[in-house]
PDB file of N, CA and C in Angstrom:
ATOM      1  N   MET A   1     125.427  88.385 102.571  1.00  0.00           N
ATOM      2  CA  MET A   1     125.928  89.652 102.386  1.00  0.00           C
ATOM      3  C   MET A   1     124.739  90.637 102.090  1.00  0.00           C
ATOM      4  N   LEU A   2     123.882  90.278 101.316  1.00  0.00           N
ATOM      5  CA  LEU A   2     122.710  91.092 101.021  1.00  0.00           C
ATOM      6  C   LEU A   2     121.805  91.285 102.241  1.00  0.00           C
ATOM      7  N   ILE A   3     121.623  90.228 102.897  1.00  0.00           N
ATOM      8  CA  ILE A   3     120.790  90.153 104.055  1.00  0.00           C
ATOM      9  C   ILE A   3     121.302  91.258 105.096  1.00  0.00           C
ATOM     10  N   THR A   4     122.704  91.192 105.312  1.00  0.00           N
ATOM     11  CA  THR A   4     123.306  92.190 106.249  1.00  0.00           C
ATOM     12  C   THR A   4     123.067  93.571 105.695  1.00  0.00           C
ATOM     13  N   ASP A   5     123.286  93.697 104.436  1.00  0.00           N
ATOM     14  CA  ASP A   5     123.132  95.045 103.870  1.00  0.00           C
ATOM     15  C   ASP A   5     121.602  95.571 104.081  1.00  0.00           C
ATOM     16  N   ILE A   6     120.658  94.762 103.911  1.00  0.00           N
ATOM     17  CA  ILE A   6     119.297  95.133 104.156  1.00  0.00           C
ATOM     18  C   ILE A   6     119.148  95.507 105.573  1.00  0.00           C
ATOM     19  N   LYS A   7     119.633  94.749 106.516  1.00  0.00           N
ATOM     20  CA  LYS A   7     119.527  95.027 107.863  1.00  0.00           C
ATOM     21  C   LYS A   7     120.259  96.384 108.344  1.00  0.00           C
ATOM     22  N   SER A   8     121.276  96.638 107.596  1.00  0.00           N
ATOM     23  CA  SER A   8     122.047  97.974 107.904  1.00  0.00           C
ATOM     24  C   SER A   8     121.195  99.031 107.290  1.00  0.00           C
ATOM     25  N   GLU A   9     120.482  98.956 106.095  1.00  0.00           N
ATOM     26  CA  GLU A   9     119.676 100.044 105.556  1.00  0.00           C
ATOM     27  C   GLU A   9     118.554 100.326 106.549  1.00  0.00           C
ATOM     28  N   LYS A  10     117.855  99.150 107.144  1.00  0.00           N
ATOM     29  CA  LYS A  10     116.753  99.317 108.051  1.00  0.00           C
ATOM     30  C   LYS A  10     117.267 100.022 109.391  1.00  0.00           C
ATOM     31  N   ASP A  11     118.589  99.669 109.798  1.00  0.00           N
ATOM     32  CA  ASP A  11     118.972 100.350 110.858  1.00  0.00           C
ATOM     33  C   ASP A  11     119.123 101.830 110.724  1.00  0.00           C
ATOM     34  N   ALA A  12     119.659 102.180 109.506  1.00  0.00           N
ATOM     35  CA  ALA A  12     119.907 103.551 109.278  1.00  0.00           C
ATOM     36  C   ALA A  12     118.552 104.455 109.192  1.00  0.00           C
ATOM     37  N   ILE A  13     117.585 103.782 108.576  1.00  0.00           N
ATOM     38  CA  ILE A  13     116.160 104.283 108.599  1.00  0.00           C
ATOM     39  C   ILE A  13     115.709 104.626 109.941  1.00  0.00           C
ATOM     40  N   HIS A  14     115.958 103.670 110.771  1.00  0.00           N
ATOM     41  CA  HIS A  14     115.587 103.762 112.284  1.00  0.00           C
ATOM     42  C   HIS A  14     116.114 105.022 112.916  1.00  0.00           C
ATOM     43  N   GLN A  15     117.497 105.097 112.640  1.00  0.00           N
ATOM     44  CA  GLN A  15     118.274 106.228 113.150  1.00  0.00           C
ATOM     45  C   GLN A  15     117.838 107.552 112.569  1.00  0.00           C
ATOM     46  N   TYR A  16     117.686 107.634 111.273  1.00  0.00           N
ATOM     47  CA  TYR A  16     117.241 108.922 110.684  1.00  0.00           C
ATOM     48  C   TYR A  16     115.703 109.209 111.236  1.00  0.00           C
ATOM     49  N   LYS A  17     114.995 108.350 111.365  1.00  0.00           N
ATOM     50  CA  LYS A  17     113.537 108.654 111.933  1.00  0.00           C
ATOM     51  C   LYS A  17     113.730 109.200 113.368  1.00  0.00           C
ATOM     52  N   LEU A  18     114.620 108.532 114.158  1.00  0.00           N
ATOM     53  CA  LEU A  18     114.849 108.934 115.524  1.00  0.00           C
ATOM     54  C   LEU A  18     115.256 110.457 115.573  1.00  0.00           C
ATOM     55  N   ARG A  19     116.282 110.789 114.684  1.00  0.00           N
ATOM     56  CA  ARG A  19     116.780 112.035 114.602  1.00  0.00           C
ATOM     57  C   ARG A  19     115.671 113.078 114.088  1.00  0.00           C
ATOM     58  N   ARG A  20     114.872 112.704 113.243  1.00  0.00           N
ATOM     59  CA  ARG A  20     113.743 113.663 112.823  1.00  0.00           C
ATOM     60  C   ARG A  20     112.887 113.946 113.991  1.00  0.00           C
ATOM     61  N   SER A  21     112.714 113.050 114.813  1.00  0.00           N
ATOM     62  CA  SER A  21     111.709 113.351 115.880  1.00  0.00           C
ATOM     63  C   SER A  21     112.373 114.218 116.946  1.00  0.00           C
ATOM     64  N   MET A  22     113.783 114.472 116.941  1.00  0.00           N
ATOM     65  CA  MET A  22     114.388 115.178 117.804  1.00  0.00           C
ATOM     66  C   MET A  22     114.731 116.756 117.331  1.00  0.00           C
ATOM     67  N   ILE A  23     114.577 116.839 115.925  1.00  0.00           N
ATOM     68  CA  ILE A  23     114.885 118.063 115.402  1.00  0.00           C
ATOM     69  C   ILE A  23     113.710 118.938 114.966  1.00  0.00           C
ATOM     70  N   CYS A  24     113.650 120.086 115.221  1.00  0.00           N
ATOM     71  CA  CYS A  24     112.516 121.073 114.847  1.00  0.00           C
ATOM     72  C   CYS A  24     112.640 121.784 113.655  1.00  0.00           C
ATOM     73  N   ALA A  25     113.779 121.797 113.107  1.00  0.00           N
ATOM     74  CA  ALA A  25     114.089 122.570 111.749  1.00  0.00           C
ATOM     75  C   ALA A  25     113.406 121.907 110.629  1.00  0.00           C
ATOM     76  N   ASN A  26     112.466 122.425 109.937  1.00  0.00           N
ATOM     77  CA  ASN A  26     111.792 121.910 108.817  1.00  0.00           C
ATOM     78  C   ASN A  26     112.770 121.495 107.672  1.00  0.00           C
ATOM     79  N   ALA A  27     113.689 122.469 107.442  1.00  0.00           N
ATOM     80  CA  ALA A  27     114.579 122.241 106.214  1.00  0.00           C
ATOM     81  C   ALA A  27     115.431 120.862 106.639  1.00  0.00           C
ATOM     82  N   VAL A  28     115.923 120.699 107.825  1.00  0.00           N
ATOM     83  CA  VAL A  28     116.742 119.544 108.155  1.00  0.00           C
ATOM     84  C   VAL A  28     115.843 118.293 107.944  1.00  0.00           C
ATOM     85  N   ASN A  29     114.632 118.409 108.478  1.00  0.00           N
ATOM     86  CA  ASN A  29     113.705 117.218 108.459  1.00  0.00           C
ATOM     87  C   ASN A  29     113.416 116.852 107.128  1.00  0.00           C
ATOM     88  N   ALA A  30     113.284 117.784 106.149  1.00  0.00           N
ATOM     89  CA  ALA A  30     113.038 117.503 104.837  1.00  0.00           C
ATOM     90  C   ALA A  30     114.174 116.819 104.221  1.00  0.00           C
ATOM     91  N   VAL A  31     115.299 117.083 104.541  1.00  0.00           N
ATOM     92  CA  VAL A  31     116.476 116.360 104.097  1.00  0.00           C
ATOM     93  C   VAL A  31     116.541 115.030 104.566  1.00  0.00           C
ATOM     94  N   LEU A  32     116.249 114.831 105.785  1.00  0.00           N
ATOM     95  CA  LEU A  32     116.323 113.580 106.539  1.00  0.00           C
ATOM     96  C   LEU A  32     115.209 112.700 105.786  1.00  0.00           C
ATOM     97  N   ALA A  33     113.922 113.295 105.575  1.00  0.00           N
ATOM     98  CA  ALA A  33     113.008 112.482 105.009  1.00  0.00           C
ATOM     99  C   ALA A  33     113.432 112.034 103.545  1.00  0.00           C
ATOM    100  N   ARG A  34     114.049 112.748 102.704  1.00  0.00           N
ATOM    101  CA  ARG A  34     114.604 112.331 101.529  1.00  0.00           C
ATOM    102  C   ARG A  34     115.622 111.258 101.692  1.00  0.00           C
ATOM    103  N   ILE A  35     116.510 111.378 102.696  1.00  0.00           N
ATOM    104  CA  ILE A  35     117.536 110.321 102.932  1.00  0.00           C
ATOM    105  C   ILE A  35     116.788 108.969 103.183  1.00  0.00           C
ATOM    106  N   ILE A  36     115.852 109.099 104.014  1.00  0.00           N
ATOM    107  CA  ILE A  36     114.961 107.855 104.372  1.00  0.00           C
ATOM    108  C   ILE A  36     114.387 107.270 103.122  1.00  0.00           C
ATOM    109  N   GLN A  37     113.833 108.045 102.250  1.00  0.00           N
ATOM    110  CA  GLN A  37     113.355 107.526 100.966  1.00  0.00           C
ATOM    111  C   GLN A  37     114.428 106.745 100.181  1.00  0.00           C
ATOM    112  N   ASP A  38     115.615 107.321 100.121  1.00  0.00           N
ATOM    113  CA  ASP A  38     116.740 106.758  99.507  1.00  0.00           C
ATOM    114  C   ASP A  38     117.094 105.373 100.049  1.00  0.00           C
ATOM    115  N   GLU A  39     117.064 105.402 101.449  1.00  0.00           N
ATOM    116  CA  GLU A  39     117.411 104.025 102.085  1.00  0.00           C
ATOM    117  C   GLU A  39     116.305 103.025 101.826  1.00  0.00           C
ATOM    118  N   GLU A  40     114.968 103.476 101.712  1.00  0.00           N
ATOM    119  CA  GLU A  40     114.026 102.534 101.468  1.00  0.00           C
ATOM    120  C   GLU A  40     114.134 101.914 100.111  1.00  0.00           C
ATOM    121  N   TYR A  41     114.627 102.845  99.193  1.00  0.00           N
ATOM    122  CA  TYR A  41     114.776 102.460  97.821  1.00  0.00           C
ATOM    123  C   TYR A  41     116.046 101.441  97.717  1.00  0.00           C
ATOM    124  N   HIS A  42     117.060 101.695  98.536  1.00  0.00           N
ATOM    125  CA  HIS A  42     118.091 100.684  98.572  1.00  0.00           C
ATOM    126  C   HIS A  42     117.659  99.354  99.094  1.00  0.00           C
ATOM    127  N   ILE A  43     116.873  99.387 100.048  1.00  0.00           N
ATOM    128  CA  ILE A  43     116.256  98.000 100.559  1.00  0.00           C
ATOM    129  C   ILE A  43     115.498  97.395  99.441  1.00  0.00           C
ATOM    130  N   MET A  44     114.749  98.129  98.671  1.00  0.00           N
ATOM    131  CA  MET A  44     114.022  97.464  97.625  1.00  0.00           C
ATOM    132  C   MET A  44     114.979  96.820  96.663  1.00  0.00           C
ATOM    133  N   VAL A  45     116.000  97.529  96.261  1.00  0.00           N
ATOM    134  CA  VAL A  45     116.925  97.127  95.285  1.00  0.00           C
ATOM    135  C   VAL A  45     117.542  95.855  95.758  1.00  0.00           C
ATOM    136  N   LEU A  46     118.006  95.850  97.001  1.00  0.00           N
ATOM    137  CA  LEU A  46     118.689  94.708  97.653  1.00  0.00           C
ATOM    138  C   LEU A  46     117.885  93.519  97.749  1.00  0.00           C
ATOM    139  N   GLN A  47     116.555  93.897  98.147  1.00  0.00           N
ATOM    140  CA  GLN A  47     115.586  92.676  98.254  1.00  0.00           C
ATOM    141  C   GLN A  47     115.347  92.067  96.926  1.00  0.00           C
ATOM    142  N   ASP A  48     115.187  92.922  95.813  1.00  0.00           N
ATOM    143  CA  ASP A  48     115.058  92.360  94.568  1.00  0.00           C
ATOM    144  C   ASP A  48     116.383  91.482  94.052  1.00  0.00           C
ATOM    145  N   LEU A  49     117.546  91.986  94.390  1.00  0.00           N
ATOM    146  CA  LEU A  49     118.612  91.136  94.139  1.00  0.00           C
ATOM    147  C   LEU A  49     118.584  89.770  94.936  1.00  0.00           C
ATOM    148  N   LEU A  50     118.277  89.982  96.143  1.00  0.00           N
ATOM    149  CA  LEU A  50     118.183  88.741  96.913  1.00  0.00           C
ATOM    150  C   LEU A  50     117.175  87.577  96.315  1.00  0.00           C
ATOM    151  N   ASP A  51     115.781  88.205  96.082  1.00  0.00           N
ATOM    152  CA  ASP A  51     115.009  87.478  95.346  1.00  0.00           C
ATOM    153  C   ASP A  51     115.356  86.819  94.010  1.00  0.00           C
ATOM    154  N   GLU A  52     116.077  87.541  93.219  1.00  0.00           N
ATOM    155  CA  GLU A  52     116.573  87.058  91.938  1.00  0.00           C
ATOM    156  C   GLU A  52     117.552  85.867  92.205  1.00  0.00           C
ATOM    157  N   LEU A  53     118.485  86.060  93.144  1.00  0.00           N
ATOM    158  CA  LEU A  53     119.400  84.984  93.551  1.00  0.00           C
ATOM    159  C   LEU A  53     118.761  83.725  94.015  1.00  0.00           C
ATOM    160  N   ASP A  54     117.697  83.985  94.962  1.00  0.00           N
ATOM    161  CA  ASP A  54     116.826  82.801  95.310  1.00  0.00           C
ATOM    162  C   ASP A  54     116.120  82.166  94.324  1.00  0.00           C
ATOM    163  N   ASP A  55     115.572  82.966  93.496  1.00  0.00           N
ATOM    164  CA  ASP A  55     114.803  82.379  92.290  1.00  0.00           C
ATOM    165  C   ASP A  55     115.628  81.579  91.245  1.00  0.00           C
ATOM    166  N   SER A  56     116.812  82.030  91.142  1.00  0.00           N
ATOM    167  CA  SER A  56     117.644  81.255  90.303  1.00  0.00           C
ATOM    168  C   SER A  56     118.051  79.909  90.884  1.00  0.00           C
ATOM    169  N   ALA A  57     117.983  79.739  92.121  1.00  0.00           N
ATOM    170  CA  ALA A  57     118.292  78.594  92.817  1.00  0.00           C
ATOM    171  C   ALA A  57     117.131  77.511  92.807  1.00  0.00           C
ATOM    172  N   HIS A  58     115.907  78.140  92.611  1.00  0.00           N
ATOM    173  CA  HIS A  58     114.675  77.318  92.535  1.00  0.00           C
ATOM    174  C   HIS A  58     114.049  77.302  91.183  1.00  0.00           C
ATOM    175  N   VAL A  59     114.328  76.277  90.404  1.00  0.00           N
ATOM    176  CA  VAL A  59     113.724  76.227  89.145  1.00  0.00           C
ATOM    177  C   VAL A  59     112.672  75.091  89.035  1.00  0.00           C
ATOM    178  N   GLU A  60     111.453  75.427  88.661  1.00  0.00           N
ATOM    179  CA  GLU A  60     110.504  74.455  88.665  1.00  0.00           C
ATOM    180  C   GLU A  60     109.972  74.147  87.126  1.00  0.00           C
ATOM    181  N   GLY A  61     109.998  72.990  86.788  1.00  0.00           N
ATOM    182  CA  GLY A  61     109.765  72.526  85.361  1.00  0.00           C
ATOM    183  C   GLY A  61     110.445  73.309  84.296  1.00  0.00           C
ATOM    184  N   GLY A  62     111.725  73.703  84.561  1.00  0.00           N
ATOM    185  CA  GLY A  62     112.503  74.329  83.563  1.00  0.00           C
ATOM    186  C   GLY A  62     112.209  75.664  83.404  1.00  0.00           C
ATOM    187  N   VAL A  63     111.383  76.257  84.183  1.00  0.00           N
ATOM    188  CA  VAL A  63     110.936  77.713  84.225  1.00  0.00           C
ATOM    189  C   VAL A  63     111.458  78.425  85.331  1.00  0.00           C
ATOM    190  N   ARG A  64     112.191  79.435  85.236  1.00  0.00           N
ATOM    191  CA  ARG A  64     112.607  80.215  86.523  1.00  0.00           C
ATOM    192  C   ARG A  64     111.495  81.102  86.951  1.00  0.00           C
ATOM    193  N   LYS A  65     111.160  81.130  88.198  1.00  0.00           N
ATOM    194  CA  LYS A  65     110.260  81.912  88.845  1.00  0.00           C
ATOM    195  C   LYS A  65     110.867  83.215  89.402  1.00  0.00           C
ATOM    196  N   ARG A  66     110.085  84.416  89.205  1.00  0.00           N
ATOM    197  CA  ARG A  66     110.641  85.545  89.866  1.00  0.00           C
ATOM    198  C   ARG A  66     109.432  86.016  90.733  1.00  0.00           C
ATOM    199  N   ASN A  67     109.807  86.720  91.816  1.00  0.00           N
ATOM    200  CA  ASN A  67     108.666  87.447  92.625  1.00  0.00           C
ATOM    201  C   ASN A  67     109.452  88.880  93.183  1.00  0.00           C
ATOM    202  N   ILE A  68     109.146  89.766  92.240  1.00  0.00           N
ATOM    203  CA  ILE A  68     109.757  91.102  92.476  1.00  0.00           C
ATOM    204  C   ILE A  68     108.535  91.824  93.143  1.00  0.00           C
ATOM    205  N   HIS A  69     108.824  92.476  94.164  1.00  0.00           N
ATOM    206  CA  HIS A  69     107.739  93.104  94.911  1.00  0.00           C
ATOM    207  C   HIS A  69     107.388  94.603  94.566  1.00  0.00           C
ATOM    208  N   GLY A  70     106.726  94.579  93.387  1.00  0.00           N
ATOM    209  CA  GLY A  70     106.189  95.829  92.810  1.00  0.00           C
ATOM    210  C   GLY A  70     107.196  96.861  92.502  1.00  0.00           C
ATOM    211  N   GLY A  71     108.400  96.475  92.132  1.00  0.00           N
ATOM    212  CA  GLY A  71     109.653  97.209  91.716  1.00  0.00           C
ATOM    213  C   GLY A  71     109.304  98.578  91.209  1.00  0.00           C
ATOM    214  N   ARG A  72     108.928  98.839  89.994  1.00  0.00           N
ATOM    215  CA  ARG A  72     108.898  99.944  89.270  1.00  0.00           C
ATOM    216  C   ARG A  72     107.741 100.821  89.817  1.00  0.00           C
ATOM    217  N   LYS A  73     106.595 100.027  90.311  1.00  0.00           N
ATOM    218  CA  LYS A  73     105.372 100.848  90.786  1.00  0.00           C
ATOM    219  C   LYS A  73     105.898 101.488  92.045  1.00  0.00           C
ATOM    220  N   GLU A  74     106.639 100.763  92.823  1.00  0.00           N
ATOM    221  CA  GLU A  74     107.282 101.326  94.184  1.00  0.00           C
ATOM    222  C   GLU A  74     108.064 102.428  93.983  1.00  0.00           C
ATOM    223  N   LEU A  75     108.913 102.327  92.849  1.00  0.00           N
ATOM    224  CA  LEU A  75     109.835 103.543  92.490  1.00  0.00           C
ATOM    225  C   LEU A  75     108.911 104.684  92.080  1.00  0.00           C
ATOM    226  N   ALA A  76     107.854 104.452  91.500  1.00  0.00           N
ATOM    227  CA  ALA A  76     107.001 105.565  90.958  1.00  0.00           C
ATOM    228  C   ALA A  76     106.421 106.289  92.283  1.00  0.00           C
ATOM    229  N   ARG A  77     105.950 105.412  93.246  1.00  0.00           N
ATOM    230  CA  ARG A  77     105.361 105.978  94.502  1.00  0.00           C
ATOM    231  C   ARG A  77     106.193 106.701  95.245  1.00  0.00           C
ATOM    232  N   MET A  78     107.572 106.309  95.303  1.00  0.00           N
ATOM    233  CA  MET A  78     108.486 106.989  96.136  1.00  0.00           C
ATOM    234  C   MET A  78     109.136 108.176  95.129  1.00  0.00           C
ATOM    235  N   GLN A  79     108.812 108.397  93.940  1.00  0.00           N
ATOM    236  CA  GLN A  79     109.308 109.521  93.038  1.00  0.00           C
ATOM    237  C   GLN A  79     110.772 109.338  92.987  1.00  0.00           C
ATOM    238  N   VAL A  80     111.283 108.279  92.827  1.00  0.00           N
ATOM    239  CA  VAL A  80     112.766 108.030  92.671  1.00  0.00           C
ATOM    240  C   VAL A  80     112.900 107.590  91.114  1.00  0.00           C
ATOM    241  N   PRO A  81     113.840 108.288  90.450  1.00  0.00           N
ATOM    242  CA  PRO A  81     113.949 107.861  88.911  1.00  0.00           C
ATOM    243  C   PRO A  81     114.455 106.369  88.822  1.00  0.00           C
ATOM    244  N   TYR A  82     113.856 105.814  87.911  1.00  0.00           N
ATOM    245  CA  TYR A  82     114.274 104.293  87.578  1.00  0.00           C
ATOM    246  C   TYR A  82     115.052 104.436  86.309  1.00  0.00           C
ATOM    247  N   CYS A  83     116.330 103.794  86.441  1.00  0.00           N
ATOM    248  CA  CYS A  83     117.292 103.973  85.381  1.00  0.00           C
ATOM    249  C   CYS A  83     117.377 102.470  84.906  1.00  0.00           C
ATOM    250  N   LYS A  84     116.846 102.145  83.707  1.00  0.00           N
ATOM    251  CA  LYS A  84     116.872 100.777  83.126  1.00  0.00           C
ATOM    252  C   LYS A  84     118.158 100.707  82.376  1.00  0.00           C
ATOM    253  N   LYS A  85     119.003  99.669  82.599  1.00  0.00           N
ATOM    254  CA  LYS A  85     120.205  99.343  81.865  1.00  0.00           C
ATOM    255  C   LYS A  85     120.065  98.202  80.945  1.00  0.00           C
TER     256      LYS A  85
END
């Protein structure tokens, strides 16, 4: 399910980028750019969840390994607020 969701987000990004190339209105392109950022954030969150599930299935020496792909640093780069629960 998570892999399908990641693919759907990537497909959406492709479509938004295609639309941006067809539209000359700066305001519309700015909104589409923000939507693309949101979709990229969704991919990162879904990938982190997928990694966490994968890591929980692979335990070495009694220690669970995690491989988070720059999570919070990537959020800062994208200027998306990080909400820690």
